[in-house]
C-alpha atoms as a PDB file:
ATOM      1  CA  MET A   1    -166.370  31.765-144.525  1.00  0.00           C
ATOM      2  CA  GLU A   2    -170.148  31.902-144.418  1.00  0.00           C
ATOM      3  CA  ARG A   3    -172.096  31.713-141.175  1.00  0.00           C
ATOM      4  CA  CYS A   4    -175.756  31.745-140.197  1.00  0.00           C
ATOM      5  CA  PRO A   5    -177.297  35.185-140.825  1.00  0.00           C
ATOM      6  CA  TRP A   6    -178.444  35.974-137.274  1.00  0.00           C
ATOM      7  CA  PRO A   7    -175.171  36.928-135.529  1.00  0.00           C
ATOM      8  CA  THR A   8    -174.793  40.619-136.268  1.00  0.00           C
ATOM      9  CA  THR A   9    -172.307  41.832-133.647  1.00  0.00           C
ATOM     10  CA  GLU A  10    -168.805  40.755-132.708  1.00  0.00           C
ATOM     11  CA  LEU A  11    -170.014  39.155-129.463  1.00  0.00           C
ATOM     12  CA  TYR A  12    -172.837  37.387-131.306  1.00  0.00           C
ATOM     13  CA  CYS A  13    -170.416  36.091-133.966  1.00  0.00           C
ATOM     14  CA  GLU A  14    -168.052  34.787-131.292  1.00  0.00           C
ATOM     15  CA  TYR A  15    -170.948  33.028-129.538  1.00  0.00           C
ATOM     16  CA  HIS A  16    -172.163  31.527-132.831  1.00  0.00           C
ATOM     17  CA  ASP A  17    -168.673  30.419-133.839  1.00  0.00           C
ATOM     18  CA  THR A  18    -167.633  28.848-130.528  1.00  0.00           C
ATOM     19  CA  GLU A  19    -170.676  27.927-128.415  1.00  0.00           C
ATOM     20  CA  TRP A  20    -174.045  27.798-130.174  1.00  0.00           C
ATOM     21  CA  GLY A  21    -174.902  24.289-131.199  1.00  0.00           C
ATOM     22  CA  VAL A  22    -171.926  22.644-129.509  1.00  0.00           C
ATOM     23  CA  PRO A  23    -173.202  19.611-127.573  1.00  0.00           C
ATOM     24  CA  LEU A  24    -173.020  20.281-123.827  1.00  0.00           C
ATOM     25  CA  HIS A  25    -172.942  17.480-121.297  1.00  0.00           C
ATOM     26  CA  GLU A  26    -171.908  19.222-118.075  1.00  0.00           C
ATOM     27  CA  ASP A  27    -174.735  19.554-115.566  1.00  0.00           C
ATOM     28  CA  ALA A  28    -173.651  23.001-114.366  1.00  0.00           C
ATOM     29  CA  ARG A  29    -173.451  24.461-117.883  1.00  0.00           C
ATOM     30  CA  LEU A  30    -176.748  22.859-118.887  1.00  0.00           C
ATOM     31  CA  PHE A  31    -178.339  24.422-115.804  1.00  0.00           C
ATOM     32  CA  GLU A  32    -176.823  27.821-116.628  1.00  0.00           C
ATOM     33  CA  PHE A  33    -178.219  27.739-120.155  1.00  0.00           C
ATOM     34  CA  LEU A  34    -181.661  26.738-118.877  1.00  0.00           C
ATOM     35  CA  LEU A  35    -181.723  29.773-116.590  1.00  0.00           C
ATOM     36  CA  LEU A  36    -180.444  32.122-119.276  1.00  0.00           C
ATOM     37  CA  GLU A  37    -182.903  30.867-121.884  1.00  0.00           C
ATOM     38  CA  GLY A  38    -185.686  31.596-119.403  1.00  0.00           C
ATOM     39  CA  ALA A  39    -184.320  35.105-118.858  1.00  0.00           C
ATOM     40  CA  GLN A  40    -184.424  35.598-122.618  1.00  0.00           C
ATOM     41  CA  ALA A  41    -188.187  34.920-122.880  1.00  0.00           C
ATOM     42  CA  GLY A  42    -189.750  37.663-124.979  1.00  0.00           C
ATOM     43  CA  LEU A  43    -186.372  39.264-125.699  1.00  0.00           C
ATOM     44  CA  SER A  44    -183.544  38.675-128.121  1.00  0.00           C
ATOM     45  CA  TRP A  45    -180.707  36.349-127.127  1.00  0.00           C
ATOM     46  CA  ILE A  46    -178.165  39.117-127.675  1.00  0.00           C
ATOM     47  CA  THR A  47    -179.789  41.013-124.789  1.00  0.00           C
ATOM     48  CA  VAL A  48    -179.019  38.108-122.455  1.00  0.00           C
ATOM     49  CA  LEU A  49    -175.635  37.442-124.012  1.00  0.00           C
ATOM     50  CA  ASN A  50    -174.607  41.047-123.328  1.00  0.00           C
ATOM     51  CA  LYS A  51    -175.545  40.543-119.670  1.00  0.00           C
ATOM     52  CA  ARG A  52    -174.278  36.975-119.226  1.00  0.00           C
ATOM     53  CA  GLU A  53    -171.134  37.896-117.284  1.00  0.00           C
ATOM     54  CA  ALA A  54    -173.207  40.041-114.910  1.00  0.00           C
ATOM     55  CA  TYR A  55    -175.586  37.121-114.414  1.00  0.00           C
ATOM     56  CA  ARG A  56    -172.651  34.831-113.657  1.00  0.00           C
ATOM     57  CA  LYS A  57    -171.302  37.247-111.078  1.00  0.00           C
ATOM     58  CA  LEU A  58    -174.605  38.182-109.449  1.00  0.00           C
ATOM     59  CA  PHE A  59    -175.954  34.616-109.374  1.00  0.00           C
ATOM     60  CA  ASP A  60    -172.869  33.020-107.826  1.00  0.00           C
ATOM     61  CA  GLY A  61    -171.639  31.381-111.005  1.00  0.00           C
ATOM     62  CA  PHE A  62    -175.047  29.694-111.391  1.00  0.00           C
ATOM     63  CA  ASP A  63    -174.414  27.565-108.304  1.00  0.00           C
ATOM     64  CA  ALA A  64    -177.806  25.915-107.819  1.00  0.00           C
ATOM     65  CA  GLN A  65    -177.172  25.242-104.111  1.00  0.00           C
ATOM     66  CA  LYS A  66    -176.586  28.934-103.447  1.00  0.00           C
ATOM     67  CA  ILE A  67    -179.366  30.227-105.688  1.00  0.00           C
ATOM     68  CA  ALA A  68    -181.891  27.849-104.085  1.00  0.00           C
ATOM     69  CA  ARG A  69    -181.192  29.536-100.716  1.00  0.00           C
ATOM     70  CA  TYR A  70    -181.629  33.123-101.924  1.00  0.00           C
ATOM     71  CA  SER A  71    -183.933  35.117 -99.688  1.00  0.00           C
ATOM     72  CA  ASP A  72    -186.735  37.317-100.954  1.00  0.00           C
ATOM     73  CA  ALA A  73    -184.601  40.303 -99.926  1.00  0.00           C
ATOM     74  CA  LYS A  74    -181.696  39.056-102.057  1.00  0.00           C
ATOM     75  CA  LEU A  75    -184.021  38.627-105.050  1.00  0.00           C
ATOM     76  CA  ALA A  76    -185.432  42.131-104.523  1.00  0.00           C
ATOM     77  CA  LYS A  77    -181.898  43.535-104.458  1.00  0.00           C
ATOM     78  CA  LEU A  78    -181.079  41.716-107.695  1.00  0.00           C
ATOM     79  CA  GLN A  79    -184.211  43.158-109.282  1.00  0.00           C
ATOM     80  CA  GLY A  80    -182.796  46.630-108.741  1.00  0.00           C
ATOM     81  CA  ASN A  81    -179.537  45.871-110.548  1.00  0.00           C
ATOM     82  CA  PRO A  82    -179.448  47.302-114.093  1.00  0.00           C
ATOM     83  CA  ALA A  83    -176.686  44.859-115.104  1.00  0.00           C
ATOM     84  CA  ILE A  84    -179.327  42.134-115.561  1.00  0.00           C
ATOM     85  CA  ILE A  85    -182.884  41.955-116.877  1.00  0.00           C
ATOM     86  CA  ARG A  86    -184.916  43.360-113.999  1.00  0.00           C
ATOM     87  CA  ASN A  87    -188.070  41.356-114.470  1.00  0.00           C
ATOM     88  CA  ARG A  88    -189.234  40.171-111.038  1.00  0.00           C
ATOM     89  CA  LEU A  89    -190.758  36.928-112.299  1.00  0.00           C
ATOM     90  CA  LYS A  90    -187.644  35.998-114.260  1.00  0.00           C
ATOM     91  CA  ILE A  91    -185.393  36.736-111.291  1.00  0.00           C
ATOM     92  CA  GLU A  92    -187.618  34.695-108.975  1.00  0.00           C
ATOM     93  CA  SER A  93    -187.584  31.870-111.515  1.00  0.00           C
ATOM     94  CA  PHE A  94    -183.829  31.456-110.976  1.00  0.00           C
ATOM     95  CA  ARG A  95    -184.491  30.440-107.349  1.00  0.00           C
ATOM     96  CA  ARG A  96    -187.511  28.327-108.239  1.00  0.00           C
ATOM     97  CA  ASN A  97    -185.619  26.555-111.021  1.00  0.00           C
ATOM     98  CA  ALA A  98    -182.584  26.003-108.795  1.00  0.00           C
ATOM     99  CA  ARG A  99    -184.820  24.304-106.243  1.00  0.00           C
ATOM    100  CA  ALA A 100    -186.527  22.202-108.936  1.00  0.00           C
ATOM    101  CA  TYR A 101    -183.114  21.306-110.385  1.00  0.00           C
ATOM    102  CA  LEU A 102    -181.822  20.133-107.002  1.00  0.00           C
ATOM    103  CA  ASP A 103    -185.013  18.142-106.398  1.00  0.00           C
ATOM    104  CA  LEU A 104    -184.647  16.529-109.816  1.00  0.00           C
ATOM    105  CA  LEU A 105    -181.031  15.567-109.118  1.00  0.00           C
ATOM    106  CA  GLU A 106    -182.244  13.482-106.171  1.00  0.00           C
ATOM    107  CA  SER A 107    -184.084  11.165-108.578  1.00  0.00           C
ATOM    108  CA  VAL A 108    -181.813  11.021-111.659  1.00  0.00           C
ATOM    109  CA  ASP A 109    -178.188  10.096-112.262  1.00  0.00           C
ATOM    110  CA  SER A 110    -177.413  13.511-113.735  1.00  0.00           C
ATOM    111  CA  PHE A 111    -179.141  16.493-115.280  1.00  0.00           C
ATOM    112  CA  ASN A 112    -177.253  15.660-118.465  1.00  0.00           C
ATOM    113  CA  ASP A 113    -178.850  12.213-118.663  1.00  0.00           C
ATOM    114  CA  TYR A 114    -182.266  13.630-117.852  1.00  0.00           C
ATOM    115  CA  ILE A 115    -182.215  16.500-120.361  1.00  0.00           C
ATOM    116  CA  TRP A 116    -180.610  14.543-123.196  1.00  0.00           C
ATOM    117  CA  HIS A 117    -183.124  11.688-122.913  1.00  0.00           C
ATOM    118  CA  PHE A 118    -185.600  13.905-124.777  1.00  0.00           C
ATOM    119  CA  MET A 119    -183.320  13.469-127.806  1.00  0.00           C
ATOM    120  CA  ASP A 120    -182.522   9.807-127.122  1.00  0.00           C
ATOM    121  CA  HIS A 121    -179.020  11.007-126.163  1.00  0.00           C
ATOM    122  CA  GLU A 122    -178.198  11.907-129.768  1.00  0.00           C
ATOM    123  CA  VAL A 123    -177.755  15.171-131.630  1.00  0.00           C
ATOM    124  CA  ARG A 124    -180.349  15.718-134.341  1.00  0.00           C
ATOM    125  CA  GLN A 125    -178.530  16.743-137.502  1.00  0.00           C
ATOM    126  CA  ASN A 126    -180.899  19.088-139.287  1.00  0.00           C
ATOM    127  CA  HIS A 127    -180.310  20.331-142.816  1.00  0.00           C
ATOM    128  CA  TRP A 128    -181.994  23.723-143.010  1.00  0.00           C
ATOM    129  CA  ARG A 129    -181.142  25.932-145.971  1.00  0.00           C
ATOM    130  CA  THR A 130    -183.019  29.038-144.821  1.00  0.00           C
ATOM    131  CA  MET A 131    -183.955  30.521-141.460  1.00  0.00           C
ATOM    132  CA  SER A 132    -187.629  30.203-142.346  1.00  0.00           C
ATOM    133  CA  GLU A 133    -187.250  26.393-142.309  1.00  0.00           C
ATOM    134  CA  VAL A 134    -185.991  26.302-138.705  1.00  0.00           C
ATOM    135  CA  PRO A 135    -188.833  25.400-136.326  1.00  0.00           C
ATOM    136  CA  VAL A 136    -189.523  27.215-133.071  1.00  0.00           C
ATOM    137  CA  THR A 137    -190.870  24.079-131.362  1.00  0.00           C
ATOM    138  CA  THR A 138    -190.750  20.336-131.967  1.00  0.00           C
ATOM    139  CA  PRO A 139    -192.443  17.347-130.345  1.00  0.00           C
ATOM    140  CA  GLU A 140    -189.239  16.910-128.296  1.00  0.00           C
ATOM    141  CA  SER A 141    -189.280  20.493-127.029  1.00  0.00           C
ATOM    142  CA  ASP A 142    -192.984  20.079-126.229  1.00  0.00           C
ATOM    143  CA  ALA A 143    -192.210  16.964-124.180  1.00  0.00           C
ATOM    144  CA  MET A 144    -189.248  18.631-122.444  1.00  0.00           C
ATOM    145  CA  SER A 145    -191.344  21.668-121.566  1.00  0.00           C
ATOM    146  CA  LYS A 146    -194.218  19.597-120.231  1.00  0.00           C
ATOM    147  CA  ASP A 147    -191.944  17.444-118.085  1.00  0.00           C
ATOM    148  CA  LEU A 148    -189.890  20.359-116.726  1.00  0.00           C
ATOM    149  CA  LYS A 149    -193.091  22.179-115.757  1.00  0.00           C
ATOM    150  CA  LYS A 150    -194.388  19.028-114.057  1.00  0.00           C
ATOM    151  CA  LYS A 151    -191.141  18.937-112.069  1.00  0.00           C
ATOM    152  CA  GLY A 152    -191.616  22.529-110.857  1.00  0.00           C
ATOM    153  CA  PHE A 153    -189.571  24.545-113.345  1.00  0.00           C
ATOM    154  CA  ASN A 154    -190.908  27.717-114.921  1.00  0.00           C
ATOM    155  CA  PHE A 155    -189.981  29.871-117.901  1.00  0.00           C
ATOM    156  CA  VAL A 156    -189.606  26.593-119.786  1.00  0.00           C
ATOM    157  CA  GLY A 157    -192.223  26.818-122.518  1.00  0.00           C
ATOM    158  CA  SER A 158    -191.721  24.781-125.668  1.00  0.00           C
ATOM    159  CA  THR A 159    -190.180  27.694-127.599  1.00  0.00           C
ATOM    160  CA  ILE A 160    -187.698  28.325-124.779  1.00  0.00           C
ATOM    161  CA  CYS A 161    -186.913  24.604-124.646  1.00  0.00           C
ATOM    162  CA  TYR A 162    -186.253  24.494-128.383  1.00  0.00           C
ATOM    163  CA  ALA A 163    -183.923  27.501-128.152  1.00  0.00           C
ATOM    164  CA  TYR A 164    -182.219  25.678-125.275  1.00  0.00           C
ATOM    165  CA  MET A 165    -181.858  22.561-127.423  1.00  0.00           C
ATOM    166  CA  GLN A 166    -180.264  24.650-130.165  1.00  0.00           C
ATOM    167  CA  ALA A 167    -177.890  26.449-127.817  1.00  0.00           C
ATOM    168  CA  THR A 168    -176.750  23.288-126.046  1.00  0.00           C
ATOM    169  CA  GLY A 169    -176.202  21.317-129.234  1.00  0.00           C
ATOM    170  CA  MET A 170    -179.060  18.858-128.953  1.00  0.00           C
ATOM    171  CA  VAL A 171    -179.930  19.874-132.485  1.00  0.00           C
ATOM    172  CA  ASN A 172    -177.601  21.137-135.186  1.00  0.00           C
ATOM    173  CA  ASP A 173    -179.607  24.066-136.532  1.00  0.00           C
ATOM    174  CA  HIS A 174    -176.753  25.847-138.251  1.00  0.00           C
ATOM    175  CA  LEU A 175    -177.838  26.414-141.827  1.00  0.00           C
ATOM    176  CA  THR A 176    -176.203  24.032-144.290  1.00  0.00           C
ATOM    177  CA  SER A 177    -174.415  27.011-145.871  1.00  0.00           C
ATOM    178  CA  CYS A 178    -172.813  27.884-142.505  1.00  0.00           C
ATOM    179  CA  TYR A 179    -169.313  26.572-141.957  1.00  0.00           C
ATOM    180  CA  ARG A 180    -170.298  25.441-138.427  1.00  0.00           C
ATOM    181  CA  HIS A 181    -172.904  23.016-139.761  1.00  0.00           C
ATOM    182  CA  ALA A 182    -170.262  20.720-141.201  1.00  0.00           C
ATOM    183  CA  GLU A 183    -167.937  21.180-138.219  1.00  0.00           C
ATOM    184  CA  LEU A 184    -170.638  20.047-135.795  1.00  0.00           C
ATOM    185  CA  LYS A 185    -171.866  17.169-137.940  1.00  0.00           C
END
């Protein structure tokens, strides 16, 4: 059973085999992935994946209502916790993005509808044979990034948005030789 070449640990293989590229349509999970992709900026995804359970615990299960009300003191306390990435700007972005997310929900039917409209509500079935073929941005990730920033989100550059699109199954970027490519087709 061949898989994409990037998962190199047991946890990474499990993530690849069960989550990465599976289309998500639940607002709460889509919000969680947006926050985690922002935390990953400049780092490898495995770094965030190793800390995901700590993030879930420390950030109230990614409850946007709760995160939006975090005080500066709460954020400073989180910054001192070695169980997560202790970058002040990334930690503050969780609160900022929670507030932007809640504001956005006042004007759209659901975050799912909003975020998937960048892909016309359809999964793009790519057919990459090598990792070097996989893009890091697309016109859709550019548009998503631009619109999210306009709506007050941060840590949502086009590269982060494309990684988000891959993780949440908006694009099937499993290599064609990977058994998951056919399963998610």
